[in-house]
């Protein structure tokens, strides 16, 4: 169980947390500082609010620090949790029930000059399937309309389906919106899992069965016990407002659309809440988009290739459009099969590079070298024209794109002979340690 308070305390102890005591505005200023700093940063004196704001907390390095493993093993650990879900406990009391607030008491950020308004970006929406009662958790951006209403961006996934069915019956959909729950809850909520699967059972697996969820008093839903703030409300039927523009993961503006409205019933919080501000297009946004998607790609690639070392949705590809996958080939067709499997698992992917097993997919200089020495376009290029891509790719036309795969693996009979120095690395390290000036 890794609460954001535990994370903040530990990062402060090891000297990895930046603390800002000077008064700062939630309108543009916090976002500007967080985008520049990139380290975990806690703003303790926010204009107009008694709550503090944490930014840049959920990074790959911090996930490794608090959940364990290393960068290459982390997607495998997440995949293990997906394939081995565990039940969680449901309790009645929680620290977030300590006091009641209004939306205006929360230091909700405005990030960029053309934004439609203040956006809650760390909001995890919990709702039950109207037919089965299965709990769903998913991230959704929320535009503040006023103190009692929010616009919610719904994409055609589980929550959209729940709401559509409720709306067909002339009913709204009750929701609990969690801000700043445990790290494991955030990772699981960002996963795109089958509709009949409860994301919180994946979170509980990551937490070794210790997750506690709380019965909400005002809505038919649950919320994580360790949430800092919980908003109870209802997505209203047959009501739409303009939502957007909003900067998305590519750092470019997503289009404005007509989206549903949430009527806010209650805002509950801890006595001294910490608001989690995820900067659109920033490091946390990319981590929470990429990291939970990587195990799902791994699973599909593993079905067509015997051994897979790892995968990296790269920062240069906005942690969404580009992937590097390292595999052990049993035959010459394996790399191309891995490319096709990756595109199938993550339809937003635009470019995939497959490299040999010994190549670390996080070593992007080495990956580029593999392309330079082992890739020939007439032999190793996979092109898929007219495919569905990402709506966040500004170069696509109505989300239709051309996908490209590069087989940068070693080909039989064309092995690259690399120069090898016979001096053991241990002797080099010892020499430098003893003779550095």
Protein backbone atom coordinates (compact mmCIF):
# COMPACT_ATOMS: atom_id res chain seq x y z
CA UNK A 1 0.00 0.00 0.00
CA UNK A 2 1.62 3.22 -1.16
CA UNK A 3 -0.26 6.37 -0.24
CA UNK A 4 0.83 9.65 -1.76
CA UNK A 5 1.66 10.83 1.77
CA UNK A 6 4.07 7.92 2.17
CA UNK A 7 5.60 8.75 -1.20
CA UNK A 8 6.03 12.41 -0.33
CA UNK A 9 7.59 11.60 3.07
CA UNK A 10 10.05 9.12 1.59
CA UNK A 11 11.06 11.39 -1.27
CA UNK A 12 11.66 14.20 1.24
CA UNK A 13 13.83 11.89 3.36
CA UNK A 14 16.05 10.92 0.44
CA UNK A 15 16.29 14.49 -0.84
CA UNK A 16 14.24 13.96 -4.02
CA UNK A 17 11.35 16.29 -3.17
CA UNK A 18 11.27 19.99 -3.98
CA UNK A 19 9.16 22.05 -1.55
CA UNK A 20 7.85 25.50 -2.40
CA UNK A 21 6.73 27.68 0.52
CA UNK A 22 6.26 30.96 -1.35
CA UNK A 23 2.67 31.79 -2.32
CA UNK A 24 1.85 30.67 -5.84
CA UNK A 25 -1.26 30.83 -8.00
CA UNK A 26 -3.06 27.70 -9.26
CA UNK A 27 -3.78 29.62 -12.45
CA UNK A 28 -0.84 28.98 -14.81
CA UNK A 29 1.95 29.50 -12.22
CA UNK A 30 1.98 26.00 -10.66
CA UNK A 31 1.85 24.37 -14.09
CA UNK A 32 4.71 26.53 -15.37
CA UNK A 33 6.95 25.69 -12.41
CA UNK A 34 6.12 21.97 -12.49
CA UNK A 35 6.79 21.71 -16.22
CA UNK A 36 10.18 23.34 -15.75
CA UNK A 37 11.25 21.52 -12.57
CA UNK A 38 10.26 17.92 -13.52
CA UNK A 39 11.22 16.63 -10.03
CA UNK A 40 8.44 15.80 -7.52
CA UNK A 41 7.38 19.19 -6.21
CA UNK A 42 5.09 20.13 -3.32
CA UNK A 43 3.46 23.56 -3.28
CA UNK A 44 2.53 24.37 0.32
CA UNK A 45 1.18 27.91 -0.03
CA UNK A 46 -1.41 28.04 -2.82
CA UNK A 47 -3.41 31.21 -3.39
CA UNK A 48 -7.05 30.86 -2.34
CA UNK A 49 -6.77 27.41 -0.74
CA UNK A 50 -5.55 25.77 2.46
CA UNK A 51 -4.73 22.58 0.54
CA UNK A 52 -1.25 21.89 -0.82
CA UNK A 53 -0.55 20.66 -4.36
CA UNK A 54 1.78 17.83 -5.41
CA UNK A 55 3.04 17.53 -8.99
CA UNK A 56 5.47 15.24 -10.85
CA UNK A 57 4.98 12.42 -8.33
CA UNK A 58 4.07 9.42 -10.51
CA UNK A 59 7.14 8.85 -12.69
CA UNK A 60 8.61 5.56 -13.90
CA UNK A 61 11.51 5.97 -11.51
CA UNK A 62 9.20 6.54 -8.54
CA UNK A 63 6.99 3.59 -9.50
CA UNK A 64 10.12 1.43 -9.48
CA UNK A 65 11.16 2.97 -6.15
CA UNK A 66 7.85 2.26 -4.42
CA UNK A 67 6.56 -0.89 -6.14
CA UNK A 68 9.90 -2.54 -6.77
CA UNK A 69 11.58 -4.32 -9.71
CA UNK A 70 13.47 -2.33 -12.34
CA UNK A 71 12.38 -0.50 -15.49
CA UNK A 72 12.40 -3.63 -17.67
CA UNK A 73 10.73 -5.86 -15.07
CA UNK A 74 8.00 -3.38 -14.13
CA UNK A 75 5.62 -4.15 -17.05
CA UNK A 76 5.93 -7.85 -16.21
CA UNK A 77 5.01 -7.11 -12.61
CA UNK A 78 1.94 -5.18 -13.75
CA UNK A 79 0.99 -8.02 -16.12
CA UNK A 80 1.25 -10.50 -13.24
CA UNK A 81 -1.21 -8.38 -11.25
CA UNK A 82 -3.61 -8.26 -14.22
CA UNK A 83 -3.50 -12.04 -14.56
CA UNK A 84 -3.77 -12.66 -10.80
CA UNK A 85 -6.37 -10.21 -9.40
CA UNK A 86 -7.16 -10.23 -5.67
CA UNK A 87 -10.27 -9.24 -3.76
CA UNK A 88 -10.24 -6.06 -1.69
CA UNK A 89 -11.93 -5.21 1.58
CA UNK A 90 -14.93 -2.87 1.76
CA UNK A 91 -15.06 -0.67 4.86
CA UNK A 92 -17.30 2.21 5.99
CA UNK A 93 -14.94 4.82 7.41
CA UNK A 94 -12.10 6.75 5.80
CA UNK A 95 -9.91 9.81 6.43
CA UNK A 96 -11.47 11.59 3.44
CA UNK A 97 -14.74 11.82 5.37
CA UNK A 98 -13.18 14.23 7.89
CA UNK A 99 -14.70 17.38 6.39
CA UNK A 100 -16.88 18.70 3.59
CA UNK A 101 -15.67 21.27 1.05
CA UNK A 102 -16.86 22.99 -2.08
CA UNK A 103 -15.11 22.78 -5.45
CA UNK A 104 -13.85 26.34 -4.99
CA UNK A 105 -11.93 25.24 -1.88
CA UNK A 106 -9.79 22.89 -3.98
CA UNK A 107 -6.73 24.39 -5.72
CA UNK A 108 -7.77 23.15 -9.17
CA UNK A 109 -5.24 24.22 -11.78
CA UNK A 110 -5.49 26.11 -15.01
CA UNK A 111 -2.58 24.93 -17.13
CA UNK A 112 -2.31 26.64 -20.54
CA UNK A 113 -3.47 29.91 -22.07
CA UNK A 114 -6.11 28.44 -24.43
CA UNK A 115 -7.60 25.97 -21.92
CA UNK A 116 -11.38 26.05 -21.61
CA UNK A 117 -11.04 26.64 -17.87
CA UNK A 118 -9.79 24.93 -14.73
CA UNK A 119 -9.37 21.18 -15.13
CA UNK A 120 -9.18 18.36 -12.59
CA UNK A 121 -6.69 16.04 -14.30
CA UNK A 122 -6.00 13.48 -11.56
CA UNK A 123 -9.66 12.48 -11.20
CA UNK A 124 -10.42 8.74 -11.10
CA UNK A 125 -14.12 8.07 -11.65
CA UNK A 126 -15.68 5.05 -9.92
CA UNK A 127 -19.05 3.78 -11.14
CA UNK A 128 -21.01 0.53 -11.20
CA UNK A 129 -22.21 -1.24 -14.33
CA UNK A 130 -26.00 -0.60 -14.36
CA UNK A 131 -26.61 -4.26 -15.36
CA UNK A 132 -24.03 -6.27 -13.44
CA UNK A 133 -22.92 -3.98 -10.60
CA UNK A 134 -19.25 -4.50 -11.53
CA UNK A 135 -17.13 -1.55 -10.34
CA UNK A 136 -15.15 0.36 -12.95
CA UNK A 137 -12.33 2.83 -12.32
CA UNK A 138 -10.90 5.13 -14.98
CA UNK A 139 -9.18 8.49 -15.34
CA UNK A 140 -11.26 11.29 -16.89
CA UNK A 141 -10.50 14.97 -17.20
CA UNK A 142 -13.09 17.23 -15.59
CA UNK A 143 -13.72 20.84 -16.62
CA UNK A 144 -15.02 23.03 -13.78
CA UNK A 145 -18.18 24.83 -14.93
CA UNK A 146 -19.13 26.21 -11.51
CA UNK A 147 -19.21 25.07 -7.89
CA UNK A 148 -21.86 22.44 -8.58
CA UNK A 149 -21.18 21.25 -12.12
CA UNK A 150 -18.34 19.60 -14.02
CA UNK A 151 -18.03 18.60 -17.67
CA UNK A 152 -16.55 15.11 -18.15
CA UNK A 153 -14.70 13.88 -21.22
CA UNK A 154 -16.01 10.38 -22.02
CA UNK A 155 -14.28 8.19 -24.59
CA UNK A 156 -16.05 5.04 -25.90
CA UNK A 157 -14.92 2.68 -23.17
CA UNK A 158 -16.49 1.21 -20.03
CA UNK A 159 -17.75 4.37 -18.29
CA UNK A 160 -19.16 5.64 -21.59
CA UNK A 161 -21.05 2.35 -21.96
CA UNK A 162 -22.39 2.51 -18.39
CA UNK A 163 -23.58 6.07 -18.88
CA UNK A 164 -25.13 5.35 -22.28
CA UNK A 165 -27.20 2.49 -20.87
CA UNK A 166 -28.32 4.56 -17.89
CA UNK A 167 -29.20 7.45 -20.21
CA UNK A 168 -31.29 5.16 -22.44
CA UNK A 169 -33.42 4.44 -19.37
CA UNK A 170 -33.72 8.18 -18.66
CA UNK A 171 -31.47 7.90 -15.64
CA UNK A 172 -28.19 9.42 -14.59
CA UNK A 173 -25.12 7.51 -13.47
CA UNK A 174 -23.91 7.92 -9.88
CA UNK A 175 -20.15 8.32 -9.52
CA UNK A 176 -17.49 8.74 -6.87
CA UNK A 177 -14.45 10.72 -8.02
CA UNK A 178 -11.20 10.02 -6.19
CA UNK A 179 -8.27 12.44 -6.15
CA UNK A 180 -4.82 11.29 -4.99
CA UNK A 181 -5.42 7.67 -3.89
CA UNK A 182 -2.67 5.05 -3.50
CA UNK A 183 -0.12 4.71 -6.30
CA UNK A 184 -1.31 1.18 -7.08
CA UNK A 185 -4.88 2.44 -7.48
CA UNK A 186 -3.71 5.06 -9.96
CA UNK A 187 -1.80 2.51 -12.05
CA UNK A 188 -4.71 0.06 -12.15
CA UNK A 189 -7.22 2.80 -12.96
CA UNK A 190 -5.17 3.78 -16.01
CA UNK A 191 -5.36 0.25 -17.48
CA UNK A 192 -7.67 -0.65 -20.34
CA UNK A 193 -9.05 -3.96 -19.01
CA UNK A 194 -11.97 -6.18 -20.10
CA UNK A 195 -15.39 -4.74 -19.22
CA UNK A 196 -16.21 -7.46 -16.69
CA UNK A 197 -12.95 -6.93 -14.78
CA UNK A 198 -12.70 -4.76 -11.65
CA UNK A 199 -9.55 -2.63 -11.87
CA UNK A 200 -9.39 -2.45 -8.09
CA UNK A 201 -8.73 -6.19 -7.93
CA UNK A 202 -5.60 -5.53 -9.98
CA UNK A 203 -4.67 -2.72 -7.59
CA UNK A 204 -5.27 -5.07 -4.66
CA UNK A 205 -2.99 -7.66 -6.28
CA UNK A 206 -0.22 -5.05 -6.52
CA UNK A 207 -0.87 -4.29 -2.83
CA UNK A 208 -0.82 -7.99 -1.85
CA UNK A 209 -4.51 -7.95 -0.94
CA UNK A 210 -4.39 -4.95 1.42
CA UNK A 211 -6.51 -2.49 -0.60
CA UNK A 212 -9.47 -1.02 1.28
CA UNK A 213 -12.41 0.54 -0.52
CA UNK A 214 -15.06 2.63 1.21
CA UNK A 215 -18.83 2.59 0.79
CA UNK A 216 -19.95 6.04 -0.27
CA UNK A 217 -22.80 7.55 1.74
CA UNK A 218 -24.39 9.61 -1.01
CA UNK A 219 -23.92 7.52 -4.19
CA UNK A 220 -23.98 3.84 -5.16
CA UNK A 221 -20.24 3.47 -5.57
CA UNK A 222 -17.01 2.85 -3.75
CA UNK A 223 -13.91 5.02 -3.31
CA UNK A 224 -10.36 4.14 -2.22
CA UNK A 225 -9.92 4.62 1.52
CA UNK A 226 -6.63 6.50 1.08
CA UNK A 227 -8.08 9.16 -1.24
CA UNK A 228 -7.24 12.74 -0.30
CA UNK A 229 -10.48 14.12 -1.80
CA UNK A 230 -13.65 12.38 -2.99
CA UNK A 231 -16.39 14.06 -5.05
CA UNK A 232 -19.81 12.38 -5.05
CA UNK A 233 -22.12 13.18 -7.92
CA UNK A 234 -24.21 12.07 -10.87
CA UNK A 235 -23.56 12.21 -14.60
CA UNK A 236 -26.81 13.77 -15.77
CA UNK A 237 -28.85 12.23 -18.59
CA UNK A 238 -29.40 14.10 -21.85
CA UNK A 239 -27.33 17.13 -20.96
CA UNK A 240 -24.25 18.22 -22.88
CA UNK A 241 -21.92 21.21 -22.75
CA UNK A 242 -18.87 22.24 -24.71
CA UNK A 243 -15.72 20.68 -23.22
CA UNK A 244 -12.28 21.78 -24.39
CA UNK A 245 -9.89 22.85 -25.77
CA UNK A 246 -7.49 20.83 -23.62
CA UNK A 247 -3.80 19.99 -24.05
CA UNK A 248 -3.38 16.23 -24.26
CA UNK A 249 -0.42 13.85 -24.03
CA UNK A 250 1.23 14.99 -27.27
CA UNK A 251 1.42 18.56 -25.92
CA UNK A 252 -1.04 19.67 -28.60
CA UNK A 253 -4.64 20.76 -28.15
CA UNK A 254 -7.40 18.16 -28.28
CA UNK A 255 -10.62 19.32 -29.96
CA UNK A 256 -13.58 20.80 -28.12
CA UNK A 257 -16.62 18.49 -28.02
CA UNK A 258 -20.11 18.29 -26.56
CA UNK A 259 -19.74 16.21 -23.40
CA UNK A 260 -21.93 15.14 -20.43
CA UNK A 261 -22.28 17.07 -17.18
CA UNK A 262 -21.70 15.88 -13.62
CA UNK A 263 -23.88 17.38 -10.91
CA UNK A 264 -21.76 17.59 -7.77
CA UNK A 265 -23.58 16.43 -4.63
CA UNK A 266 -20.76 16.52 -2.05
CA UNK A 267 -17.02 17.15 -1.85
CA UNK A 268 -15.32 15.25 0.98
CA UNK A 269 -11.73 15.63 2.08
CA UNK A 270 -9.12 15.02 4.75
CA UNK A 271 -8.55 17.84 7.24
CA UNK A 272 -5.35 18.84 5.41
CA UNK A 273 -5.87 17.54 1.86
CA UNK A 274 -3.14 17.27 -0.74
CA UNK A 275 -4.38 17.95 -4.26
CA UNK A 276 -2.66 15.98 -7.03
CA UNK A 277 -2.09 18.16 -10.08
CA UNK A 278 -1.18 16.12 -13.18
CA UNK A 279 0.14 18.57 -15.77
CA UNK A 280 -1.30 17.80 -19.24
CA UNK A 281 1.48 16.59 -21.52
CA UNK A 282 3.85 16.47 -18.53
CA UNK A 283 5.87 13.63 -17.05
CA UNK A 284 3.08 12.13 -14.92
CA UNK A 285 0.57 12.26 -17.75
CA UNK A 286 2.98 10.30 -19.94
CA UNK A 287 3.79 7.79 -17.20
CA UNK A 288 0.13 7.06 -16.46
CA UNK A 289 -0.67 6.69 -20.15
CA UNK A 290 2.34 4.53 -21.09
CA UNK A 291 3.16 2.33 -18.11
CA UNK A 292 -0.28 0.68 -17.67
CA UNK A 293 -0.48 0.06 -21.45
CA UNK A 294 2.90 -1.68 -21.75
CA UNK A 295 1.92 -4.97 -20.00
CA UNK A 296 -1.03 -5.37 -22.37
CA UNK A 297 1.29 -5.00 -25.38
CA UNK A 298 3.76 -7.43 -23.77
CA UNK A 299 1.01 -10.02 -23.35
CA UNK A 300 0.11 -9.92 -27.05
CA UNK A 301 3.73 -9.99 -28.23
CA UNK A 302 4.46 -12.92 -25.90
CA UNK A 303 1.78 -14.91 -27.71
CA UNK A 304 3.72 -14.80 -30.98
CA UNK A 305 7.35 -14.68 -29.76
CA UNK A 306 8.98 -17.17 -27.42
CA UNK A 307 11.01 -14.72 -25.32
CA UNK A 308 10.47 -11.01 -24.73
CA UNK A 309 12.86 -8.90 -22.66
CA UNK A 310 10.80 -5.74 -22.43
CA UNK A 311 8.94 -2.86 -23.98
CA UNK A 312 9.24 0.91 -23.80
CA UNK A 313 6.65 3.41 -24.96
CA UNK A 314 9.23 6.10 -25.51
CA UNK A 315 9.08 9.71 -24.27
CA UNK A 316 10.05 10.98 -27.73
CA UNK A 317 6.90 9.30 -29.05
CA UNK A 318 4.87 11.12 -26.40
CA UNK A 319 4.84 7.85 -24.40
CA UNK A 320 1.95 6.77 -26.62
CA UNK A 321 2.78 6.65 -30.34
CA UNK A 322 6.21 4.92 -30.43
CA UNK A 323 7.32 1.58 -28.93
CA UNK A 324 10.62 -0.27 -28.71
CA UNK A 325 10.35 -4.02 -28.08
CA UNK A 326 13.27 -6.34 -27.46
CA UNK A 327 12.81 -10.04 -28.32
CA UNK A 328 14.71 -13.27 -28.82
CA UNK A 329 14.06 -14.55 -32.31
CA UNK A 330 13.45 -18.22 -33.02
CA UNK A 331 12.92 -17.54 -36.73
CA UNK A 332 13.28 -14.65 -39.15
CA UNK A 333 9.57 -13.83 -39.11
CA UNK A 334 9.36 -13.28 -35.36
CA UNK A 335 10.18 -9.56 -35.44
CA UNK A 336 7.43 -8.84 -37.97
CA UNK A 337 4.96 -10.92 -35.96
CA UNK A 338 5.90 -8.90 -32.87
CA UNK A 339 5.26 -5.66 -34.78
CA UNK A 340 1.79 -6.79 -35.86
CA UNK A 341 0.95 -8.02 -32.32
CA UNK A 342 1.98 -4.66 -30.84
CA UNK A 343 -0.24 -2.73 -33.26
CA UNK A 344 -3.13 -5.06 -32.40
CA UNK A 345 -2.66 -4.61 -28.64
CA UNK A 346 -2.37 -0.82 -28.77
CA UNK A 347 -4.24 0.67 -31.77
CA UNK A 348 -2.83 4.15 -31.06
CA UNK A 349 0.70 2.97 -31.85
CA UNK A 350 2.17 4.60 -34.93
CA UNK A 351 5.77 3.33 -35.07
CA UNK A 352 7.30 0.15 -33.59
CA UNK A 353 10.98 -0.81 -33.48
CA UNK A 354 11.93 -4.41 -32.66
CA UNK A 355 15.48 -5.10 -31.46
CA UNK A 356 17.44 -8.12 -30.24
CA UNK A 357 16.99 -9.51 -26.72
CA UNK A 358 20.31 -8.18 -25.42
CA UNK A 359 19.35 -4.59 -26.31
CA UNK A 360 17.81 -2.58 -23.46
CA UNK A 361 14.70 -0.85 -24.89
CA UNK A 362 15.36 2.07 -22.51
CA UNK A 363 18.80 2.68 -24.06
CA UNK A 364 17.56 4.82 -26.93
CA UNK A 365 21.06 5.62 -28.24
CA UNK A 366 21.69 1.87 -28.55
CA UNK A 367 18.29 1.41 -30.22
CA UNK A 368 19.17 4.05 -32.81
CA UNK A 369 22.49 2.28 -33.40
CA UNK A 370 20.67 -1.01 -33.98
CA UNK A 371 18.54 0.69 -36.61
CA UNK A 372 21.65 2.15 -38.23
CA UNK A 373 23.52 -1.17 -38.43
CA UNK A 374 20.80 -3.84 -38.79
CA UNK A 375 17.84 -2.28 -40.61
CA UNK A 376 17.33 -2.21 -44.38
CA UNK A 377 14.09 -0.60 -45.56
CA UNK A 378 13.54 -2.89 -48.56
CA UNK A 379 13.75 -5.96 -46.33
CA UNK A 380 12.86 -4.94 -42.79
CA UNK A 381 10.09 -2.36 -43.11
CA UNK A 382 6.43 -3.07 -42.33
CA UNK A 383 3.94 -0.48 -43.64
CA UNK A 384 0.23 -0.58 -42.83
CA UNK A 385 -1.72 2.12 -44.65
CA UNK A 386 -5.18 3.43 -43.79
CA UNK A 387 -5.19 2.06 -40.24
CA UNK A 388 -7.02 3.43 -37.23
CA UNK A 389 -4.61 5.43 -35.13
CA UNK A 390 -4.72 7.96 -32.34
CA UNK A 391 -6.99 10.98 -32.28
CA UNK A 392 -4.12 12.68 -30.44
CA UNK A 393 -1.82 12.48 -33.47
CA UNK A 394 -2.13 15.88 -35.16
CA UNK A 395 -0.69 14.53 -38.45
CA UNK A 396 -3.44 11.91 -38.86
CA UNK A 397 -6.63 12.56 -40.76
CA UNK A 398 -9.72 11.77 -38.71
CA UNK A 399 -7.59 9.31 -36.68
CA UNK A 400 -6.60 7.35 -39.82
CA UNK A 401 -2.86 6.90 -40.12
CA UNK A 402 -0.05 4.93 -41.73
CA UNK A 403 1.71 2.63 -39.27
CA UNK A 404 5.36 1.67 -39.64
CA UNK A 405 7.31 -1.19 -38.07
CA UNK A 406 11.12 -1.52 -38.16
CA UNK A 407 12.82 -4.91 -37.76
CA UNK A 408 16.18 -3.88 -36.33
CA UNK A 409 17.18 -7.38 -35.23
CA UNK A 410 20.22 -9.36 -36.33
CA UNK A 411 19.63 -11.33 -39.56
CA UNK A 412 21.18 -14.76 -40.12
CA UNK A 413 24.27 -14.50 -42.28
CA UNK A 414 24.41 -10.74 -41.66
CA UNK A 415 25.69 -10.71 -38.08
CA UNK A 416 27.48 -7.52 -37.01
CA UNK A 417 30.96 -8.17 -35.63
CA UNK A 418 31.60 -5.66 -32.87
CA UNK A 419 35.00 -4.78 -31.51
CA UNK A 420 35.74 -6.26 -28.09
CA UNK A 421 38.41 -4.98 -25.71
CA UNK A 422 40.03 -7.83 -23.73
CA UNK A 423 40.57 -5.80 -20.53
CA UNK A 424 37.90 -6.83 -17.94
CA UNK A 425 35.54 -4.06 -16.90
CA UNK A 426 36.39 -4.66 -13.23
CA UNK A 427 40.02 -3.75 -13.91
CA UNK A 428 38.98 -0.56 -15.70
CA UNK A 429 36.81 0.49 -12.75
CA UNK A 430 39.59 -0.33 -10.27
CA UNK A 431 42.14 1.63 -12.31
CA UNK A 432 39.93 4.72 -12.44
CA UNK A 433 39.11 4.50 -8.74
CA UNK A 434 42.78 4.41 -7.79
CA UNK A 435 44.15 6.88 -10.32
CA UNK A 436 41.50 9.53 -10.89
CA UNK A 437 42.90 13.01 -10.18
